[in-house]
Amino acid sequence: MTIPTPDELRTLVQAHIADAEVDVRLYSGDDHFEMVVTSALFVGKSRVAQHQMVYAALGDHMRAAVHALALKTSVPNEN
């Protein structure tokens, strides 16, 4: 499996979490990513459940191509 680009990861998340605002960037090498995902679909879900939704969207990339992911999730207008 080839290492995805930040844009490819963004597209995967947005395909599975329809209203997601996603910011993805590399922070080290070509397989260490930082991602911030904001979605109203996260309302009422624990942080763990929110992260599980993102991991599910990334699918096999999380098991093979993405070495590290610094992930932050939030709901719109959350402080």
C-alpha atoms as a PDB file:
ATOM      1  CA  MET A   1       0.000   0.000   0.000  1.00  0.00           C
ATOM      2  CA  THR A   2       1.387   3.404  -0.933  1.00  0.00           C
ATOM      3  CA  ILE A   3       1.527   6.208   1.575  1.00  0.00           C
ATOM      4  CA  PRO A   4      -1.488   8.504   1.116  1.00  0.00           C
ATOM      5  CA  THR A   5      -1.241  12.251   0.710  1.00  0.00           C
ATOM      6  CA  PRO A   6      -2.939  14.611   3.148  1.00  0.00           C
ATOM      7  CA  ASP A   7      -5.559  15.337   0.462  1.00  0.00           C
ATOM      8  CA  GLU A   8      -6.297  11.624   0.054  1.00  0.00           C
ATOM      9  CA  LEU A   9      -6.792  11.223   3.802  1.00  0.00           C
ATOM     10  CA  ARG A  10      -9.059  14.299   3.859  1.00  0.00           C
ATOM     11  CA  THR A  11     -11.166  12.829   1.051  1.00  0.00           C
ATOM     12  CA  LEU A  12     -11.518   9.485   2.856  1.00  0.00           C
ATOM     13  CA  VAL A  13     -12.748  11.135   6.048  1.00  0.00           C
ATOM     14  CA  GLN A  14     -15.160  13.432   4.205  1.00  0.00           C
ATOM     15  CA  ALA A  15     -16.587  10.470   2.285  1.00  0.00           C
ATOM     16  CA  HIS A  16     -17.500   8.736   5.570  1.00  0.00           C
ATOM     17  CA  ILE A  17     -18.315  11.733   7.763  1.00  0.00           C
ATOM     18  CA  ALA A  18     -20.341  13.859   5.376  1.00  0.00           C
ATOM     19  CA  ASP A  19     -20.238  17.211   7.186  1.00  0.00           C
ATOM     20  CA  ALA A  20     -16.635  16.906   8.366  1.00  0.00           C
ATOM     21  CA  GLU A  21     -14.276  19.827   8.179  1.00  0.00           C
ATOM     22  CA  VAL A  22     -10.859  18.214   7.920  1.00  0.00           C
ATOM     23  CA  ASP A  23      -7.403  19.734   8.176  1.00  0.00           C
ATOM     24  CA  VAL A  24      -4.544  17.315   7.489  1.00  0.00           C
ATOM     25  CA  ARG A  25      -0.825  17.947   7.249  1.00  0.00           C
ATOM     26  CA  LEU A  26       2.444  16.095   7.448  1.00  0.00           C
ATOM     27  CA  TYR A  27       4.529  16.797  10.526  1.00  0.00           C
ATOM     28  CA  SER A  28       7.473  14.422  10.086  1.00  0.00           C
ATOM     29  CA  GLY A  29       8.633  12.433   7.096  1.00  0.00           C
ATOM     30  CA  ASP A  30       5.970  11.307   4.668  1.00  0.00           C
ATOM     31  CA  ASP A  31       3.890   9.040   6.920  1.00  0.00           C
ATOM     32  CA  HIS A  32       3.374  11.076  10.128  1.00  0.00           C
ATOM     33  CA  PHE A  33       0.181  13.115   9.969  1.00  0.00           C
ATOM     34  CA  GLU A  34      -1.665  15.670  12.077  1.00  0.00           C
ATOM     35  CA  MET A  35      -5.423  15.803  11.571  1.00  0.00           C
ATOM     36  CA  VAL A  36      -8.173  17.993  12.994  1.00  0.00           C
ATOM     37  CA  VAL A  37     -11.741  16.858  12.274  1.00  0.00           C
ATOM     38  CA  THR A  38     -14.836  18.866  13.200  1.00  0.00           C
ATOM     39  CA  SER A  39     -18.290  17.376  12.716  1.00  0.00           C
ATOM     40  CA  ALA A  40     -21.806  17.761  14.115  1.00  0.00           C
ATOM     41  CA  LEU A  41     -21.996  13.956  13.923  1.00  0.00           C
ATOM     42  CA  PHE A  42     -19.632  13.874  16.906  1.00  0.00           C
ATOM     43  CA  VAL A  43     -22.212  15.528  19.197  1.00  0.00           C
ATOM     44  CA  GLY A  44     -23.001  13.274  22.152  1.00  0.00           C
ATOM     45  CA  LYS A  45     -20.188  10.850  21.347  1.00  0.00           C
ATOM     46  CA  SER A  46     -17.166  10.301  23.566  1.00  0.00           C
ATOM     47  CA  ARG A  47     -13.755  11.358  22.288  1.00  0.00           C
ATOM     48  CA  VAL A  48     -12.922   7.653  21.844  1.00  0.00           C
ATOM     49  CA  ALA A  49     -16.042   7.120  19.706  1.00  0.00           C
ATOM     50  CA  GLN A  50     -15.192  10.207  17.636  1.00  0.00           C
ATOM     51  CA  HIS A  51     -11.686   8.889  16.988  1.00  0.00           C
ATOM     52  CA  GLN A  52     -13.068   5.459  16.116  1.00  0.00           C
ATOM     53  CA  MET A  53     -15.261   7.092  13.450  1.00  0.00           C
ATOM     54  CA  VAL A  54     -12.197   8.717  11.885  1.00  0.00           C
ATOM     55  CA  TYR A  55     -10.142   5.503  12.085  1.00  0.00           C
ATOM     56  CA  ALA A  56     -12.994   3.599  10.405  1.00  0.00           C
ATOM     57  CA  ALA A  57     -13.021   6.169   7.602  1.00  0.00           C
ATOM     58  CA  LEU A  58      -9.269   5.740   7.083  1.00  0.00           C
ATOM     59  CA  GLY A  59      -9.653   1.952   6.999  1.00  0.00           C
ATOM     60  CA  ASP A  60      -6.615  -0.022   5.895  1.00  0.00           C
ATOM     61  CA  HIS A  61      -4.457   3.096   5.731  1.00  0.00           C
ATOM     62  CA  MET A  62      -4.352   3.103   9.534  1.00  0.00           C
ATOM     63  CA  ARG A  63      -3.116  -0.481   9.585  1.00  0.00           C
ATOM     64  CA  ALA A  64      -0.480  -0.144   6.899  1.00  0.00           C
ATOM     65  CA  ALA A  65       0.444   3.188   5.307  1.00  0.00           C
ATOM     66  CA  VAL A  66      -0.018   5.722   8.105  1.00  0.00           C
ATOM     67  CA  HIS A  67       2.766   5.304  10.641  1.00  0.00           C
ATOM     68  CA  ALA A  68       1.521   7.980  13.059  1.00  0.00           C
ATOM     69  CA  LEU A  69      -1.598  10.129  13.347  1.00  0.00           C
ATOM     70  CA  ALA A  70      -1.964  12.991  15.818  1.00  0.00           C
ATOM     71  CA  LEU A  71      -5.753  13.321  15.832  1.00  0.00           C
ATOM     72  CA  LYS A  72      -7.958  16.001  17.360  1.00  0.00           C
ATOM     73  CA  THR A  73     -11.749  15.834  16.997  1.00  0.00           C
ATOM     74  CA  SER A  74     -14.393  18.352  17.977  1.00  0.00           C
ATOM     75  CA  VAL A  75     -17.944  19.447  17.367  1.00  0.00           C
ATOM     76  CA  PRO A  76     -18.709  22.800  15.681  1.00  0.00           C
ATOM     77  CA  ASN A  77     -18.289  25.761  18.051  1.00  0.00           C
ATOM     78  CA  GLU A  78     -16.738  23.602  20.776  1.00  0.00           C
ATOM     79  CA  ASN A  79     -14.284  25.501  22.949  1.00  0.00           C
END
